[in-house]
Amino acid sequence: MGNFKELHVWQLAKDLAVRIYKLTQTSSFSKDFGLRDQIQRSAVSIPSNIAEGDNLDTDKQSVRHFFIARGSTAELRTQLIISLEIGYISTQEFEIFDEECDKISAMLTTLIRHRLK
């Protein structure tokens, strides 16, 4: 515990958040402050909660934050679906981001199970 930067799931989640921020700088999101801000918040919440959870004193505390990160991943996926359906992102962009969210969510599930042992 306490070395979150070495967690592969944190690295992937951090990289995803950076790419979401770059995506939302495009013209599609420029005037939609609500969706843009919400998608950024959910994306940055994932690595932030992984980092916080990894630095807590007990596995029980850590797991709570890993569950929050997994919930933020589902929130981000929902916002990506909405972005696709209103034409802010392409199907190809959506599929790439959705696959990454799926991978991160699965990794968080594995991490949670490991910490609950």
N, C-alpha and C. Protein backbone atom coordinates (compact mmCIF):
# COMPACT_ATOMS: atom_id res chain seq x y z
N MET A 1 0.84 -1.19 0.00
CA MET A 1 0.00 0.00 0.00
C MET A 1 0.88 1.25 0.00
N GLY A 2 0.36 2.30 -0.61
CA GLY A 2 1.03 3.58 -0.53
C GLY A 2 1.91 3.92 -1.71
N ASN A 3 1.95 3.09 -2.72
CA ASN A 3 2.77 3.38 -3.89
C ASN A 3 1.89 3.34 -5.14
N PHE A 4 0.83 4.16 -5.13
CA PHE A 4 -0.19 4.11 -6.16
C PHE A 4 0.34 4.30 -7.57
N LYS A 5 1.43 5.06 -7.73
CA LYS A 5 1.95 5.31 -9.07
C LYS A 5 2.46 4.04 -9.75
N GLU A 6 2.71 3.01 -8.96
CA GLU A 6 3.16 1.74 -9.52
C GLU A 6 2.00 0.82 -9.89
N LEU A 7 0.79 1.18 -9.47
CA LEU A 7 -0.38 0.37 -9.81
C LEU A 7 -0.72 0.57 -11.29
N HIS A 8 -0.77 -0.52 -12.03
CA HIS A 8 -1.07 -0.43 -13.47
C HIS A 8 -2.45 0.19 -13.70
N VAL A 9 -3.41 -0.14 -12.85
CA VAL A 9 -4.76 0.41 -12.99
C VAL A 9 -4.75 1.92 -12.79
N TRP A 10 -3.92 2.43 -11.88
CA TRP A 10 -3.83 3.88 -11.68
C TRP A 10 -3.23 4.52 -12.93
N GLN A 11 -2.19 3.92 -13.49
CA GLN A 11 -1.54 4.47 -14.68
C GLN A 11 -2.52 4.56 -15.84
N LEU A 12 -3.29 3.49 -16.06
CA LEU A 12 -4.28 3.49 -17.14
C LEU A 12 -5.36 4.54 -16.89
N ALA A 13 -5.83 4.63 -15.66
CA ALA A 13 -6.88 5.59 -15.32
C ALA A 13 -6.39 7.03 -15.46
N LYS A 14 -5.17 7.28 -15.07
CA LYS A 14 -4.60 8.62 -15.20
C LYS A 14 -4.47 8.99 -16.67
N ASP A 15 -3.98 8.07 -17.48
CA ASP A 15 -3.85 8.32 -18.92
C ASP A 15 -5.22 8.55 -19.57
N LEU A 16 -6.20 7.79 -19.13
CA LEU A 16 -7.57 7.98 -19.64
C LEU A 16 -8.07 9.37 -19.30
N ALA A 17 -7.85 9.81 -18.08
CA ALA A 17 -8.30 11.15 -17.66
C ALA A 17 -7.64 12.24 -18.51
N VAL A 18 -6.36 12.08 -18.78
CA VAL A 18 -5.65 13.06 -19.62
C VAL A 18 -6.28 13.11 -21.01
N ARG A 19 -6.57 11.94 -21.58
CA ARG A 19 -7.16 11.91 -22.92
C ARG A 19 -8.59 12.46 -22.92
N ILE A 20 -9.33 12.25 -21.85
CA ILE A 20 -10.68 12.82 -21.74
C ILE A 20 -10.58 14.34 -21.69
N TYR A 21 -9.64 14.87 -20.94
CA TYR A 21 -9.46 16.32 -20.90
C TYR A 21 -9.13 16.87 -22.29
N LYS A 22 -8.27 16.17 -23.03
CA LYS A 22 -7.93 16.61 -24.38
C LYS A 22 -9.14 16.52 -25.30
N LEU A 23 -9.91 15.45 -25.17
CA LEU A 23 -11.13 15.28 -25.97
C LEU A 23 -12.10 16.42 -25.74
N THR A 24 -12.28 16.79 -24.49
CA THR A 24 -13.29 17.81 -24.16
C THR A 24 -12.82 19.23 -24.46
N GLN A 25 -11.63 19.38 -24.97
CA GLN A 25 -11.17 20.68 -25.43
C GLN A 25 -11.59 20.94 -26.88
N THR A 26 -12.19 19.94 -27.51
CA THR A 26 -12.62 20.09 -28.90
C THR A 26 -13.87 20.95 -28.98
N SER A 27 -14.19 21.39 -30.17
CA SER A 27 -15.31 22.30 -30.37
C SER A 27 -16.65 21.70 -29.97
N SER A 28 -16.81 20.38 -30.10
CA SER A 28 -18.08 19.74 -29.73
C SER A 28 -18.46 20.04 -28.28
N PHE A 29 -17.49 20.03 -27.41
CA PHE A 29 -17.75 20.23 -25.99
C PHE A 29 -17.60 21.69 -25.55
N SER A 30 -17.14 22.57 -26.44
CA SER A 30 -16.76 23.93 -26.04
C SER A 30 -17.88 24.73 -25.39
N LYS A 31 -19.10 24.55 -25.83
CA LYS A 31 -20.21 25.34 -25.27
C LYS A 31 -21.10 24.54 -24.32
N ASP A 32 -20.84 23.25 -24.22
CA ASP A 32 -21.63 22.40 -23.33
C ASP A 32 -20.89 22.26 -22.00
N PHE A 33 -20.95 23.33 -21.22
CA PHE A 33 -20.18 23.37 -19.97
C PHE A 33 -20.58 22.27 -19.00
N GLY A 34 -21.86 21.95 -18.95
CA GLY A 34 -22.35 20.94 -18.01
C GLY A 34 -21.77 19.57 -18.28
N LEU A 35 -21.93 19.09 -19.51
CA LEU A 35 -21.41 17.76 -19.85
C LEU A 35 -19.89 17.75 -19.81
N ARG A 36 -19.28 18.79 -20.34
CA ARG A 36 -17.82 18.85 -20.35
C ARG A 36 -17.26 18.75 -18.93
N ASP A 37 -17.80 19.56 -18.03
CA ASP A 37 -17.30 19.55 -16.66
C ASP A 37 -17.57 18.22 -15.96
N GLN A 38 -18.74 17.66 -16.20
CA GLN A 38 -19.10 16.40 -15.56
C GLN A 38 -18.24 15.24 -16.05
N ILE A 39 -17.99 15.20 -17.35
CA ILE A 39 -17.17 14.11 -17.90
C ILE A 39 -15.72 14.24 -17.41
N GLN A 40 -15.25 15.47 -17.28
CA GLN A 40 -13.90 15.68 -16.74
C GLN A 40 -13.82 15.26 -15.28
N ARG A 41 -14.84 15.63 -14.50
CA ARG A 41 -14.84 15.27 -13.07
C ARG A 41 -14.88 13.76 -12.87
N SER A 42 -15.72 13.07 -13.63
CA SER A 42 -15.78 11.62 -13.45
C SER A 42 -14.47 10.96 -13.89
N ALA A 43 -13.87 11.47 -14.97
CA ALA A 43 -12.61 10.89 -15.45
C ALA A 43 -11.48 11.08 -14.44
N VAL A 44 -11.38 12.26 -13.87
CA VAL A 44 -10.30 12.53 -12.91
C VAL A 44 -10.56 11.85 -11.57
N SER A 45 -11.81 11.55 -11.30
CA SER A 45 -12.16 10.88 -10.05
C SER A 45 -11.62 9.45 -9.99
N ILE A 46 -11.49 8.82 -11.13
CA ILE A 46 -11.04 7.42 -11.15
C ILE A 46 -9.62 7.28 -10.60
N PRO A 47 -8.61 7.93 -11.21
CA PRO A 47 -7.26 7.77 -10.66
C PRO A 47 -7.11 8.42 -9.29
N SER A 48 -7.87 9.47 -9.04
CA SER A 48 -7.77 10.15 -7.74
C SER A 48 -8.20 9.23 -6.61
N ASN A 49 -9.30 8.51 -6.81
CA ASN A 49 -9.77 7.59 -5.76
C ASN A 49 -8.88 6.37 -5.64
N ILE A 50 -8.29 5.93 -6.73
CA ILE A 50 -7.34 4.82 -6.64
C ILE A 50 -6.14 5.25 -5.80
N ALA A 51 -5.62 6.44 -6.08
CA ALA A 51 -4.47 6.96 -5.34
C ALA A 51 -4.80 7.12 -3.86
N GLU A 52 -5.94 7.74 -3.58
CA GLU A 52 -6.33 7.95 -2.19
C GLU A 52 -6.51 6.61 -1.48
N GLY A 53 -7.21 5.69 -2.13
CA GLY A 53 -7.44 4.39 -1.52
C GLY A 53 -6.15 3.65 -1.23
N ASP A 54 -5.20 3.74 -2.12
CA ASP A 54 -3.95 3.02 -1.94
C ASP A 54 -3.12 3.59 -0.79
N ASN A 55 -3.39 4.82 -0.41
CA ASN A 55 -2.61 5.46 0.65
C ASN A 55 -3.29 5.42 2.01
N LEU A 56 -4.41 4.74 2.13
CA LEU A 56 -5.10 4.67 3.41
C LEU A 56 -4.54 3.52 4.25
N ASP A 57 -4.87 3.56 5.53
CA ASP A 57 -4.25 2.65 6.50
C ASP A 57 -4.76 1.22 6.46
N THR A 58 -6.01 1.02 6.10
CA THR A 58 -6.55 -0.34 6.15
C THR A 58 -7.09 -0.73 4.77
N ASP A 59 -7.14 -2.04 4.56
CA ASP A 59 -7.71 -2.55 3.31
C ASP A 59 -9.18 -2.17 3.19
N LYS A 60 -9.90 -2.16 4.31
CA LYS A 60 -11.32 -1.79 4.29
C LYS A 60 -11.50 -0.36 3.78
N GLN A 61 -10.67 0.56 4.25
CA GLN A 61 -10.73 1.94 3.78
C GLN A 61 -10.34 2.02 2.30
N SER A 62 -9.32 1.28 1.93
CA SER A 62 -8.85 1.28 0.54
C SER A 62 -9.93 0.79 -0.41
N VAL A 63 -10.55 -0.32 -0.04
CA VAL A 63 -11.56 -0.93 -0.89
C VAL A 63 -12.72 0.03 -1.13
N ARG A 64 -13.10 0.78 -0.12
CA ARG A 64 -14.19 1.77 -0.28
C ARG A 64 -13.86 2.74 -1.42
N HIS A 65 -12.64 3.22 -1.45
CA HIS A 65 -12.24 4.16 -2.51
C HIS A 65 -12.11 3.48 -3.87
N PHE A 66 -11.73 2.22 -3.88
CA PHE A 66 -11.66 1.48 -5.14
C PHE A 66 -13.07 1.28 -5.71
N PHE A 67 -14.04 1.06 -4.82
CA PHE A 67 -15.44 0.96 -5.27
C PHE A 67 -15.92 2.30 -5.83
N ILE A 68 -15.52 3.39 -5.20
CA ILE A 68 -15.89 4.73 -5.71
C ILE A 68 -15.28 4.94 -7.09
N ALA A 69 -14.03 4.54 -7.25
CA ALA A 69 -13.37 4.65 -8.56
C ALA A 69 -14.10 3.83 -9.62
N ARG A 70 -14.54 2.65 -9.23
CA ARG A 70 -15.28 1.81 -10.18
C ARG A 70 -16.62 2.45 -10.53
N GLY A 71 -17.25 3.07 -9.55
CA GLY A 71 -18.49 3.80 -9.82
C GLY A 71 -18.26 4.97 -10.75
N SER A 72 -17.16 5.68 -10.57
CA SER A 72 -16.83 6.80 -11.45
C SER A 72 -16.57 6.31 -12.87
N THR A 73 -16.04 5.10 -13.00
CA THR A 73 -15.83 4.52 -14.32
C THR A 73 -17.17 4.30 -15.02
N ALA A 74 -18.16 3.81 -14.28
CA ALA A 74 -19.50 3.62 -14.84
C ALA A 74 -20.12 4.97 -15.20
N GLU A 75 -19.90 5.96 -14.36
CA GLU A 75 -20.40 7.30 -14.64
C GLU A 75 -19.78 7.85 -15.93
N LEU A 76 -18.48 7.68 -16.08
CA LEU A 76 -17.79 8.14 -17.29
C LEU A 76 -18.34 7.42 -18.53
N ARG A 77 -18.56 6.13 -18.42
CA ARG A 77 -19.09 5.37 -19.55
C ARG A 77 -20.46 5.91 -19.96
N THR A 78 -21.29 6.23 -18.99
CA THR A 78 -22.61 6.79 -19.28
C THR A 78 -22.47 8.12 -20.02
N GLN A 79 -21.57 8.95 -19.57
CA GLN A 79 -21.38 10.25 -20.23
C GLN A 79 -20.80 10.09 -21.63
N LEU A 80 -19.98 9.08 -21.83
CA LEU A 80 -19.47 8.79 -23.17
C LEU A 80 -20.59 8.31 -24.10
N ILE A 81 -21.50 7.49 -23.57
CA ILE A 81 -22.65 7.04 -24.36
C ILE A 81 -23.48 8.24 -24.79
N ILE A 82 -23.74 9.14 -23.86
CA ILE A 82 -24.50 10.36 -24.17
C ILE A 82 -23.76 11.19 -25.20
N SER A 83 -22.45 11.33 -25.03
CA SER A 83 -21.64 12.11 -25.99
C SER A 83 -21.72 11.51 -27.39
N LEU A 84 -21.72 10.18 -27.46
CA LEU A 84 -21.86 9.50 -28.75
C LEU A 84 -23.23 9.79 -29.35
N GLU A 85 -24.27 9.62 -28.55
CA GLU A 85 -25.63 9.74 -29.06
C GLU A 85 -26.00 11.17 -29.47
N ILE A 86 -25.33 12.17 -28.91
CA ILE A 86 -25.63 13.55 -29.32
C ILE A 86 -24.62 14.07 -30.35
N GLY A 87 -23.72 13.18 -30.76
CA GLY A 87 -22.83 13.52 -31.86
C GLY A 87 -21.55 14.24 -31.47
N TYR A 88 -21.19 14.23 -30.19
CA TYR A 88 -19.95 14.90 -29.76
C TYR A 88 -18.72 14.06 -30.04
N ILE A 89 -18.88 12.74 -30.06
CA ILE A 89 -17.75 11.85 -30.35
C ILE A 89 -18.18 10.83 -31.39
N SER A 90 -17.21 10.29 -32.09
CA SER A 90 -17.49 9.29 -33.12
C SER A 90 -17.65 7.91 -32.47
N THR A 91 -18.18 6.98 -33.24
CA THR A 91 -18.31 5.60 -32.77
C THR A 91 -16.94 5.02 -32.46
N GLN A 92 -15.98 5.33 -33.28
CA GLN A 92 -14.62 4.82 -33.06
C GLN A 92 -14.04 5.36 -31.76
N GLU A 93 -14.19 6.66 -31.51
CA GLU A 93 -13.71 7.24 -30.25
C GLU A 93 -14.41 6.57 -29.07
N PHE A 94 -15.73 6.44 -29.18
CA PHE A 94 -16.49 5.82 -28.10
C PHE A 94 -15.99 4.41 -27.81
N GLU A 95 -15.79 3.61 -28.83
CA GLU A 95 -15.37 2.22 -28.64
C GLU A 95 -14.02 2.13 -27.94
N ILE A 96 -13.11 3.02 -28.30
CA ILE A 96 -11.79 3.03 -27.66
C ILE A 96 -11.92 3.38 -26.18
N PHE A 97 -12.64 4.46 -25.88
CA PHE A 97 -12.82 4.87 -24.49
C PHE A 97 -13.60 3.83 -23.69
N ASP A 98 -14.62 3.26 -24.29
CA ASP A 98 -15.45 2.27 -23.59
C ASP A 98 -14.64 1.03 -23.25
N GLU A 99 -13.80 0.60 -24.18
CA GLU A 99 -12.94 -0.55 -23.93
C GLU A 99 -11.97 -0.28 -22.78
N GLU A 100 -11.43 0.93 -22.75
CA GLU A 100 -10.52 1.30 -21.67
C GLU A 100 -11.25 1.32 -20.33
N CYS A 101 -12.46 1.86 -20.32
CA CYS A 101 -13.25 1.88 -19.09
C CYS A 101 -13.54 0.46 -18.62
N ASP A 102 -13.86 -0.42 -19.55
CA ASP A 102 -14.13 -1.81 -19.21
C ASP A 102 -12.90 -2.46 -18.59
N LYS A 103 -11.75 -2.20 -19.16
CA LYS A 103 -10.50 -2.77 -18.64
C LYS A 103 -10.20 -2.25 -17.24
N ILE A 104 -10.36 -0.95 -17.05
CA ILE A 104 -10.10 -0.35 -15.74
C ILE A 104 -11.07 -0.90 -14.70
N SER A 105 -12.33 -1.02 -15.07
CA SER A 105 -13.33 -1.55 -14.14
C SER A 105 -12.99 -2.98 -13.74
N ALA A 106 -12.58 -3.79 -14.69
CA ALA A 106 -12.20 -5.18 -14.40
C ALA A 106 -10.97 -5.23 -13.50
N MET A 107 -10.02 -4.37 -13.75
CA MET A 107 -8.81 -4.32 -12.92
C MET A 107 -9.15 -3.88 -11.50
N LEU A 108 -10.08 -2.94 -11.38
CA LEU A 108 -10.50 -2.50 -10.04
C LEU A 108 -11.20 -3.64 -9.30
N THR A 109 -12.00 -4.41 -10.00
CA THR A 109 -12.67 -5.56 -9.38
C THR A 109 -11.62 -6.54 -8.85
N THR A 110 -10.60 -6.80 -9.63
CA THR A 110 -9.52 -7.70 -9.20
C THR A 110 -8.79 -7.13 -7.99
N LEU A 111 -8.51 -5.83 -8.01
CA LEU A 111 -7.83 -5.18 -6.89
C LEU A 111 -8.67 -5.25 -5.62
N ILE A 112 -9.96 -5.02 -5.76
CA ILE A 112 -10.88 -5.09 -4.62
C ILE A 112 -10.86 -6.50 -4.03
N ARG A 113 -10.98 -7.49 -4.88
CA ARG A 113 -10.98 -8.89 -4.40
C ARG A 113 -9.67 -9.23 -3.69
N HIS A 114 -8.57 -8.74 -4.24
CA HIS A 114 -7.26 -8.98 -3.63
C HIS A 114 -7.18 -8.34 -2.26
N ARG A 115 -7.66 -7.14 -2.12
CA ARG A 115 -7.58 -6.43 -0.83
C ARG A 115 -8.57 -6.97 0.20
N LEU A 116 -9.61 -7.65 -0.25
CA LEU A 116 -10.58 -8.21 0.68
C LEU A 116 -10.15 -9.56 1.24
N LYS A 117 -9.10 -10.15 0.71
CA LYS A 117 -8.62 -11.46 1.18
C LYS A 117 -8.01 -11.35 2.56
